[in-house]
Amino acid sequence: MAPLLPQADFPELFELERWRRADVARLSEIGDELADQLGLPLFLNTSELPFEVNDLSLRLIPGGVTRIGLTARQRALLEGIIQGDEAHPLHQWLLKPLLDFSTPPTEVRLPPLLMASEPLTNEIVRGILPAFVPAPTGAPAILSGDEVARMPREQALALAERMAPLRLPSEAEWEHACRAGGDSLFFWGDDSPRGLPDEHPHPLGLVQMGYHEEICADFWHSDLSDLPADGSPRRSPSPDLPEWFTGVVRGGAASSYPWQNGNEWRTFATTWRTTQFSQREAMVHGMCALGVVRPVLPLPTA
């Protein structure tokens, strides 16, 4: 079977700068081709340039070769912050996972994909899973309209099955989207936020990126040493960890807002990753078992 989208014919899908420079006519042409090849009612909203399918707004995440995990530059910045915070050992301890969990930097080759502009809301999820009961939110209602839908991993997996061909992102795909081609600590630069930074629009048009614990398809592993070269999710649990370390979540800065100790900004870092605990273990230890879903639609290419 021939590739759906040959790179030679659609270079904009593999080069972020070419995508940004493309005019509306070219973007509409690509959208029409995507709709035909994927067999989906996909169209380009020319007013703000997201794609839309079944009332879900999607943004293009160009593919290509990228590095996942802390780059040498990011690591040097973080080590400088930790060393300069000698008076606050708690702060040092809380920042250490950024150094430990997000290494070694791993090169992956990712296909282009479409990612939901924002996490799914309760209203959208109820339309797919009528029995869905919204969970109480500990985060501020920062999305317009219906609140973001928070759920355990098992429910997110069931939701993803019902949304096919959309699916959960791998953590490599999520980080690639969050980085948007950059090498800074945060998608907007290196300046640590003092609060929830509404003033920083994401370069790819993704809304509230990093605000919520976004559920990825991967099982949790304590580092990136065995990340697949194609950026696909790790489908097997780590043999060295208890079974209640379930999946990976990315982001989560709004869940602990208002911030208390001053370094919760770490959860906005493009490389921040942590585990989503099982519901039982979360109840025992007071840990978070809920996350949100920002689905993706992969675009098969040569």
Protein backbone atom coordinates (compact mmCIF):
# COMPACT_ATOMS: atom_id res chain seq x y z
CA MET A 1 0.00 0.00 0.00
CA ALA A 2 1.41 3.42 -0.98
CA PRO A 3 2.17 5.90 1.81
CA LEU A 4 -0.69 8.24 2.49
CA LEU A 5 1.42 11.39 2.53
CA PRO A 6 4.79 11.22 0.72
CA GLN A 7 7.26 13.65 2.27
CA ALA A 8 8.34 14.87 -1.16
CA ASP A 9 4.78 16.07 -1.88
CA PHE A 10 4.04 17.42 1.60
CA PRO A 11 7.27 18.86 3.04
CA GLU A 12 5.23 21.22 5.24
CA LEU A 13 4.25 18.22 7.36
CA PHE A 14 7.89 17.57 8.25
CA GLU A 15 9.33 21.06 8.62
CA LEU A 16 7.89 23.42 11.19
CA GLU A 17 9.13 26.57 9.48
CA ARG A 18 7.69 25.56 6.11
CA TRP A 19 4.35 24.89 7.76
CA ARG A 20 4.41 28.33 9.38
CA ARG A 21 5.26 30.01 6.07
CA ALA A 22 2.59 28.21 4.03
CA ASP A 23 -0.31 30.37 2.89
CA VAL A 24 -3.97 29.55 3.53
CA ALA A 25 -4.47 28.17 0.01
CA ARG A 26 -1.67 25.64 0.50
CA LEU A 27 -2.89 24.69 3.98
CA SER A 28 -6.40 24.17 2.61
CA GLU A 29 -4.97 21.98 -0.14
CA ILE A 30 -3.19 19.85 2.44
CA GLY A 31 -6.36 19.65 4.53
CA ASP A 32 -8.39 18.44 1.54
CA GLU A 33 -5.79 15.76 0.79
CA LEU A 34 -5.77 14.64 4.42
CA ALA A 35 -9.56 14.36 4.43
CA ASP A 36 -9.56 12.29 1.24
CA GLN A 37 -6.77 9.94 2.32
CA LEU A 38 -7.95 9.45 5.90
CA GLY A 39 -11.63 9.19 5.05
CA LEU A 40 -12.57 11.68 7.76
CA PRO A 41 -14.73 14.84 7.66
CA LEU A 42 -11.62 16.97 8.18
CA PHE A 43 -11.48 20.61 7.17
CA LEU A 44 -9.29 23.64 7.80
CA ASN A 45 -10.77 26.50 9.79
CA THR A 46 -9.20 29.35 7.84
CA SER A 47 -9.95 31.97 10.51
CA GLU A 48 -7.53 30.50 13.08
CA LEU A 49 -5.94 27.69 11.01
CA PRO A 50 -6.73 24.62 13.12
CA PHE A 51 -8.10 21.50 11.46
CA GLU A 52 -11.48 20.33 12.67
CA VAL A 53 -13.06 16.87 12.66
CA ASN A 54 -16.37 16.04 14.33
CA ASP A 55 -16.31 19.40 16.20
CA LEU A 56 -12.85 18.65 17.61
CA SER A 57 -10.17 21.26 16.92
CA LEU A 58 -6.79 19.78 15.93
CA ARG A 59 -3.39 21.37 15.37
CA LEU A 60 -0.66 20.03 13.13
CA ILE A 61 2.49 18.77 14.86
CA PRO A 62 5.13 18.43 12.10
CA GLY A 63 7.16 15.23 12.15
CA GLY A 64 10.89 14.66 11.78
CA VAL A 65 13.94 13.76 13.85
CA THR A 66 14.06 15.28 17.34
CA ARG A 67 15.52 14.70 20.79
CA ILE A 68 13.36 13.76 23.75
CA GLY A 69 14.61 14.46 27.27
CA LEU A 70 16.91 17.07 28.74
CA THR A 71 19.34 18.54 26.27
CA ALA A 72 22.80 19.57 27.48
CA ARG A 73 21.66 23.20 27.48
CA GLN A 74 18.52 22.50 29.51
CA ARG A 75 20.45 20.37 31.99
CA ALA A 76 23.04 23.11 32.54
CA LEU A 77 20.26 25.63 33.23
CA LEU A 78 18.55 23.34 35.74
CA GLU A 79 21.79 22.46 37.51
CA GLY A 80 22.49 26.16 37.86
CA ILE A 81 19.08 26.73 39.42
CA ILE A 82 19.54 23.85 41.87
CA GLN A 83 23.07 24.87 42.88
CA GLY A 84 21.94 28.46 43.36
CA ASP A 85 19.14 27.41 45.72
CA GLU A 86 21.30 26.09 48.55
CA ALA A 87 19.11 27.70 51.20
CA HIS A 88 16.10 25.65 50.09
CA PRO A 89 16.90 21.92 50.22
CA LEU A 90 13.22 21.09 49.65
CA HIS A 91 13.34 23.01 46.40
CA GLN A 92 16.44 21.09 45.36
CA TRP A 93 14.74 17.78 46.13
CA LEU A 94 11.64 18.70 44.16
CA LEU A 95 13.69 19.75 41.13
CA LYS A 96 15.82 16.61 41.10
CA PRO A 97 13.22 14.49 39.20
CA LEU A 98 13.67 16.79 36.21
CA LEU A 99 17.31 15.70 36.09
CA ASP A 100 16.77 12.02 36.87
CA PHE A 101 13.58 11.07 35.03
CA SER A 102 14.24 12.99 31.80
CA THR A 103 17.56 11.38 30.85
CA PRO A 104 19.31 10.31 28.76
CA PRO A 105 18.35 12.57 25.83
CA THR A 106 17.14 10.20 23.13
CA GLU A 107 16.84 10.81 19.40
CA VAL A 108 13.57 9.69 17.80
CA ARG A 109 12.01 10.01 14.37
CA LEU A 110 8.34 10.99 14.64
CA PRO A 111 5.65 11.06 11.97
CA PRO A 112 3.51 14.18 11.64
CA LEU A 113 0.25 14.10 13.53
CA LEU A 114 -2.74 16.20 14.46
CA MET A 115 -3.17 16.95 18.18
CA ALA A 116 -6.28 18.25 19.90
CA SER A 117 -5.99 21.99 20.48
CA GLU A 118 -7.01 21.53 24.11
CA PRO A 119 -7.75 18.66 26.52
CA LEU A 120 -11.17 17.05 26.17
CA THR A 121 -13.93 18.61 28.23
CA ASN A 122 -16.62 16.86 30.25
CA GLU A 123 -19.15 17.68 27.56
CA ILE A 124 -17.10 16.05 24.80
CA VAL A 125 -16.35 12.95 26.87
CA ARG A 126 -20.00 12.50 27.86
CA GLY A 127 -20.86 12.52 24.15
CA ILE A 128 -18.52 9.56 23.64
CA LEU A 129 -19.00 7.74 26.96
CA PRO A 130 -22.55 8.56 28.13
CA ALA A 131 -21.92 6.90 31.52
CA PHE A 132 -18.93 9.14 32.24
CA VAL A 133 -19.21 10.89 35.61
CA PRO A 134 -17.10 14.07 35.84
CA ALA A 135 -14.54 14.00 38.63
CA PRO A 136 -14.23 16.97 40.98
CA THR A 137 -11.41 19.20 39.86
CA GLY A 138 -8.65 20.50 42.09
CA ALA A 139 -7.51 22.90 39.39
CA PRO A 140 -9.04 26.27 38.52
CA ALA A 141 -11.59 26.31 35.72
CA ILE A 142 -9.17 27.73 33.17
CA LEU A 143 -10.78 26.34 30.06
CA SER A 144 -13.66 28.24 28.53
CA GLY A 145 -17.02 26.52 28.61
CA ASP A 146 -17.28 23.05 30.11
CA GLU A 147 -14.54 22.00 32.49
CA VAL A 148 -11.73 19.71 31.42
CA ALA A 149 -12.52 16.02 31.93
CA ARG A 150 -10.34 14.28 34.54
CA MET A 151 -10.27 10.48 34.69
CA PRO A 152 -8.21 7.46 35.73
CA ARG A 153 -5.93 5.80 33.20
CA GLU A 154 -8.25 2.84 32.65
CA GLN A 155 -11.06 5.15 31.60
CA ALA A 156 -8.73 7.13 29.34
CA LEU A 157 -7.74 3.92 27.54
CA ALA A 158 -11.40 2.98 27.07
CA LEU A 159 -12.15 6.47 25.77
CA ALA A 160 -9.27 6.25 23.29
CA GLU A 161 -10.64 2.98 21.91
CA ARG A 162 -14.00 4.66 21.25
CA MET A 163 -12.30 7.63 19.54
CA ALA A 164 -10.29 5.59 17.00
CA PRO A 165 -8.50 6.48 14.74
CA LEU A 166 -7.66 9.16 17.31
CA ARG A 167 -5.60 7.81 20.22
CA LEU A 168 -3.55 8.81 23.24
CA PRO A 169 -0.18 10.39 22.40
CA SER A 170 3.07 8.69 23.26
CA GLU A 171 5.15 10.70 25.71
CA ALA A 172 7.67 11.34 22.92
CA GLU A 173 4.91 12.82 20.74
CA TRP A 174 3.67 14.94 23.65
CA GLU A 175 7.10 16.38 24.43
CA HIS A 176 7.81 17.02 20.74
CA ALA A 177 4.54 18.95 20.49
CA CYS A 178 5.22 20.90 23.69
CA ARG A 179 8.74 21.86 22.57
CA ALA A 180 7.47 23.15 19.20
CA GLY A 181 10.97 22.94 17.78
CA GLY A 182 12.60 24.78 20.69
CA ASP A 183 15.41 23.98 23.12
CA SER A 184 14.31 26.14 26.06
CA LEU A 185 13.16 24.97 29.50
CA PHE A 186 9.60 25.99 28.70
CA PHE A 187 7.88 26.32 25.36
CA TRP A 188 8.00 30.11 25.69
CA GLY A 189 11.65 30.41 26.79
CA ASP A 190 13.79 29.97 29.92
CA ASP A 191 12.08 32.41 32.30
CA SER A 192 10.36 30.56 35.16
CA PRO A 193 6.71 31.54 35.58
CA ARG A 194 5.41 32.90 38.89
CA GLY A 195 1.90 31.71 38.16
CA LEU A 196 -0.19 30.22 35.39
CA PRO A 197 1.12 32.03 32.31
CA ASP A 198 -1.90 32.83 30.17
CA GLU A 199 0.24 35.45 28.44
CA HIS A 200 2.38 32.79 26.70
CA PRO A 201 0.62 31.47 23.58
CA HIS A 202 1.94 28.15 22.37
CA PRO A 203 3.78 28.38 19.00
CA LEU A 204 1.62 25.59 17.52
CA GLY A 205 -1.68 26.90 18.89
CA LEU A 206 -2.07 24.29 21.65
CA VAL A 207 -4.25 25.59 24.48
CA GLN A 208 -3.28 25.19 28.16
CA MET A 209 -0.21 23.08 27.31
CA GLY A 210 1.36 21.90 30.56
CA TYR A 211 -1.54 22.94 32.78
CA HIS A 212 -3.00 19.50 33.46
CA GLU A 213 -1.60 16.00 33.94
CA GLU A 214 -2.04 14.78 30.38
CA ILE A 215 -2.25 11.00 30.04
CA CYS A 216 0.15 9.37 27.59
CA ALA A 217 -0.05 5.87 26.15
CA ASP A 218 3.26 4.75 27.72
CA PHE A 219 3.79 2.63 30.78
CA TRP A 220 5.96 4.43 33.35
CA HIS A 221 9.72 3.84 33.25
CA SER A 222 12.07 5.81 35.49
CA ASP A 223 14.14 7.23 32.63
CA LEU A 224 14.29 7.43 28.83
CA SER A 225 17.00 4.82 28.25
CA ASP A 226 14.75 2.41 26.37
CA LEU A 227 12.54 4.89 24.52
CA PRO A 228 11.67 3.45 21.07
CA ALA A 229 13.50 5.09 18.16
CA ASP A 230 10.22 5.71 16.34
CA GLY A 231 8.73 7.57 19.31
CA SER A 232 6.04 4.96 19.87
CA PRO A 233 4.84 4.33 23.43
CA ARG A 234 6.46 1.81 25.75
CA ARG A 235 3.78 -0.85 25.98
CA SER A 236 5.25 -2.95 28.81
CA PRO A 237 5.62 -1.95 32.47
CA SER A 238 9.06 -1.60 33.99
CA PRO A 239 10.05 -4.88 35.70
CA ASP A 240 11.83 -2.91 38.43
CA LEU A 241 8.78 -1.00 39.69
CA PRO A 242 5.64 -1.94 41.65
CA GLU A 243 2.50 -2.48 39.58
CA TRP A 244 0.86 0.65 40.99
CA PHE A 245 3.29 2.75 38.94
CA THR A 246 1.02 2.70 35.92
CA GLY A 247 1.32 5.17 33.06
CA VAL A 248 3.07 8.40 32.14
CA VAL A 249 1.54 11.84 32.54
CA ARG A 250 3.04 15.08 31.26
CA GLY A 251 2.33 18.58 32.59
CA GLY A 252 0.24 19.36 35.66
CA ALA A 253 1.09 22.90 36.72
CA ALA A 254 -2.52 23.90 37.37
CA SER A 255 -3.36 20.92 39.56
CA SER A 256 -1.36 22.28 42.50
CA TYR A 257 -2.40 25.89 41.99
CA PRO A 258 -2.23 28.19 43.91
CA TRP A 259 1.42 27.27 44.26
CA GLN A 260 2.91 26.97 47.74
CA ASN A 261 6.69 26.49 47.70
CA GLY A 262 7.61 28.54 44.66
CA ASN A 263 9.07 25.90 42.36
CA GLU A 264 5.95 24.27 41.02
CA TRP A 265 6.95 25.91 37.73
CA ARG A 266 8.97 22.72 37.14
CA THR A 267 5.78 20.99 35.95
CA PHE A 268 5.64 23.46 33.04
CA ALA A 269 9.05 22.28 31.78
CA THR A 270 8.85 20.64 28.36
CA THR A 271 10.67 17.57 29.72
CA TRP A 272 8.65 17.16 32.95
CA ARG A 273 7.30 13.64 33.31
CA THR A 274 5.80 11.74 36.19
CA THR A 275 3.70 8.65 36.82
CA GLN A 276 -0.05 8.28 37.08
CA PHE A 277 -0.76 6.05 40.06
CA SER A 278 -3.43 3.37 40.26
CA GLN A 279 -6.63 4.53 41.94
CA ARG A 280 -6.17 2.24 44.93
CA GLU A 281 -2.61 3.36 45.62
CA ALA A 282 -3.56 6.98 45.12
CA MET A 283 -6.25 6.68 47.79
CA VAL A 284 -3.82 5.06 50.23
CA HIS A 285 -1.01 7.59 49.78
CA GLY A 286 -2.93 10.69 48.77
CA MET A 287 -1.43 10.74 45.28
CA CYS A 288 -3.08 11.76 42.05
CA ALA A 289 -4.74 9.03 39.97
CA LEU A 290 -6.57 11.33 37.56
CA GLY A 291 -5.40 12.91 34.34
CA VAL A 292 -6.81 14.48 31.20
CA VAL A 293 -6.86 13.42 27.58
CA ARG A 294 -5.53 15.38 24.60
CA PRO A 295 -5.90 12.88 21.72
CA VAL A 296 -3.82 12.76 18.56
CA LEU A 297 -4.47 11.62 15.02
CA PRO A 298 -1.37 10.08 13.38
CA LEU A 299 -0.69 10.81 9.71
CA PRO A 300 1.04 7.80 8.09
CA THR A 301 3.86 8.91 5.82
CA ALA A 302 6.84 7.59 3.92
